[in-house]
């Protein structure tokens, strides 16, 4: 959804119309838009990469040979 989707293009008839348009814009802003200072990735992709780097997959312990 483009950031100005529905904004100022038609009159809103109900509060639900305003809420629907607002939710769509917030979704676009937080999930889709590319941000220059984040390396042209979306804020969601940036968050996912950041938190993945903080908690890497646990590595299995080395198996000890029985003697």
Protein backbone atom coordinates (compact mmCIF):
# COMPACT_ATOMS: atom_id res chain seq x y z
CA UNK A 1 0.00 0.00 0.00
CA UNK A 2 1.34 3.39 -0.93
CA UNK A 3 1.64 5.93 1.93
CA UNK A 4 -1.04 8.24 0.57
CA UNK A 5 -3.45 5.41 -0.20
CA UNK A 6 -6.90 6.75 0.41
CA UNK A 7 -5.66 9.89 2.08
CA UNK A 8 -7.25 13.11 0.78
CA UNK A 9 -8.63 11.30 -2.25
CA UNK A 10 -12.16 10.78 -1.04
CA UNK A 11 -14.31 11.83 1.86
CA UNK A 12 -14.58 9.36 4.69
CA UNK A 13 -18.13 8.37 5.50
CA UNK A 14 -17.51 6.53 8.75
CA UNK A 15 -14.92 6.20 11.49
CA UNK A 16 -14.38 2.64 10.23
CA UNK A 17 -13.26 4.09 6.86
CA UNK A 18 -10.69 6.27 8.63
CA UNK A 19 -9.49 3.36 10.78
CA UNK A 20 -9.17 1.04 7.78
CA UNK A 21 -7.12 3.58 5.83
CA UNK A 22 -4.95 4.36 8.86
CA UNK A 23 -4.23 0.68 9.53
CA UNK A 24 -3.28 0.20 5.88
CA UNK A 25 -0.87 3.13 6.00
CA UNK A 26 0.71 1.96 9.28
CA UNK A 27 1.16 -1.52 7.82
CA UNK A 28 2.90 -0.07 4.76
CA UNK A 29 5.07 2.20 6.92
CA UNK A 30 6.19 -0.59 9.28
CA UNK A 31 6.32 -3.58 6.95
CA UNK A 32 6.94 -2.52 3.36
CA UNK A 33 8.63 0.85 2.90
CA UNK A 34 12.34 0.83 2.23
CA UNK A 35 14.41 3.05 4.48
CA UNK A 36 17.63 4.60 3.22
CA UNK A 37 19.39 4.69 6.59
CA UNK A 38 18.65 0.98 7.08
CA UNK A 39 20.35 -0.01 3.84
CA UNK A 40 17.21 0.14 1.70
CA UNK A 41 15.41 -2.60 3.60
CA UNK A 42 12.12 -2.38 5.44
CA UNK A 43 12.02 -1.71 9.19
CA UNK A 44 10.65 -5.23 9.72
CA UNK A 45 13.55 -6.82 7.83
CA UNK A 46 16.00 -4.70 9.83
CA UNK A 47 14.43 -5.77 13.14
CA UNK A 48 14.45 -9.43 12.14
CA UNK A 49 18.12 -9.29 11.15
CA UNK A 50 19.03 -7.46 14.35
CA UNK A 51 17.29 -9.88 16.69
CA UNK A 52 18.57 -12.89 14.76
CA UNK A 53 22.12 -11.65 15.28
CA UNK A 54 21.54 -11.29 19.04
CA UNK A 55 20.29 -14.81 19.58
CA UNK A 56 21.96 -17.17 17.14
CA UNK A 57 20.84 -20.76 16.86
CA UNK A 58 22.33 -22.89 19.63
CA UNK A 59 25.22 -25.01 18.44
CA UNK A 60 25.48 -28.66 19.46
CA UNK A 61 28.19 -29.50 21.94
CA UNK A 62 31.14 -31.45 20.60
CA UNK A 63 30.69 -35.15 21.09
CA UNK A 64 33.28 -36.67 23.33
CA UNK A 65 34.83 -39.94 22.32
CA UNK A 66 34.35 -42.75 24.82
CA UNK A 67 37.57 -44.48 25.84
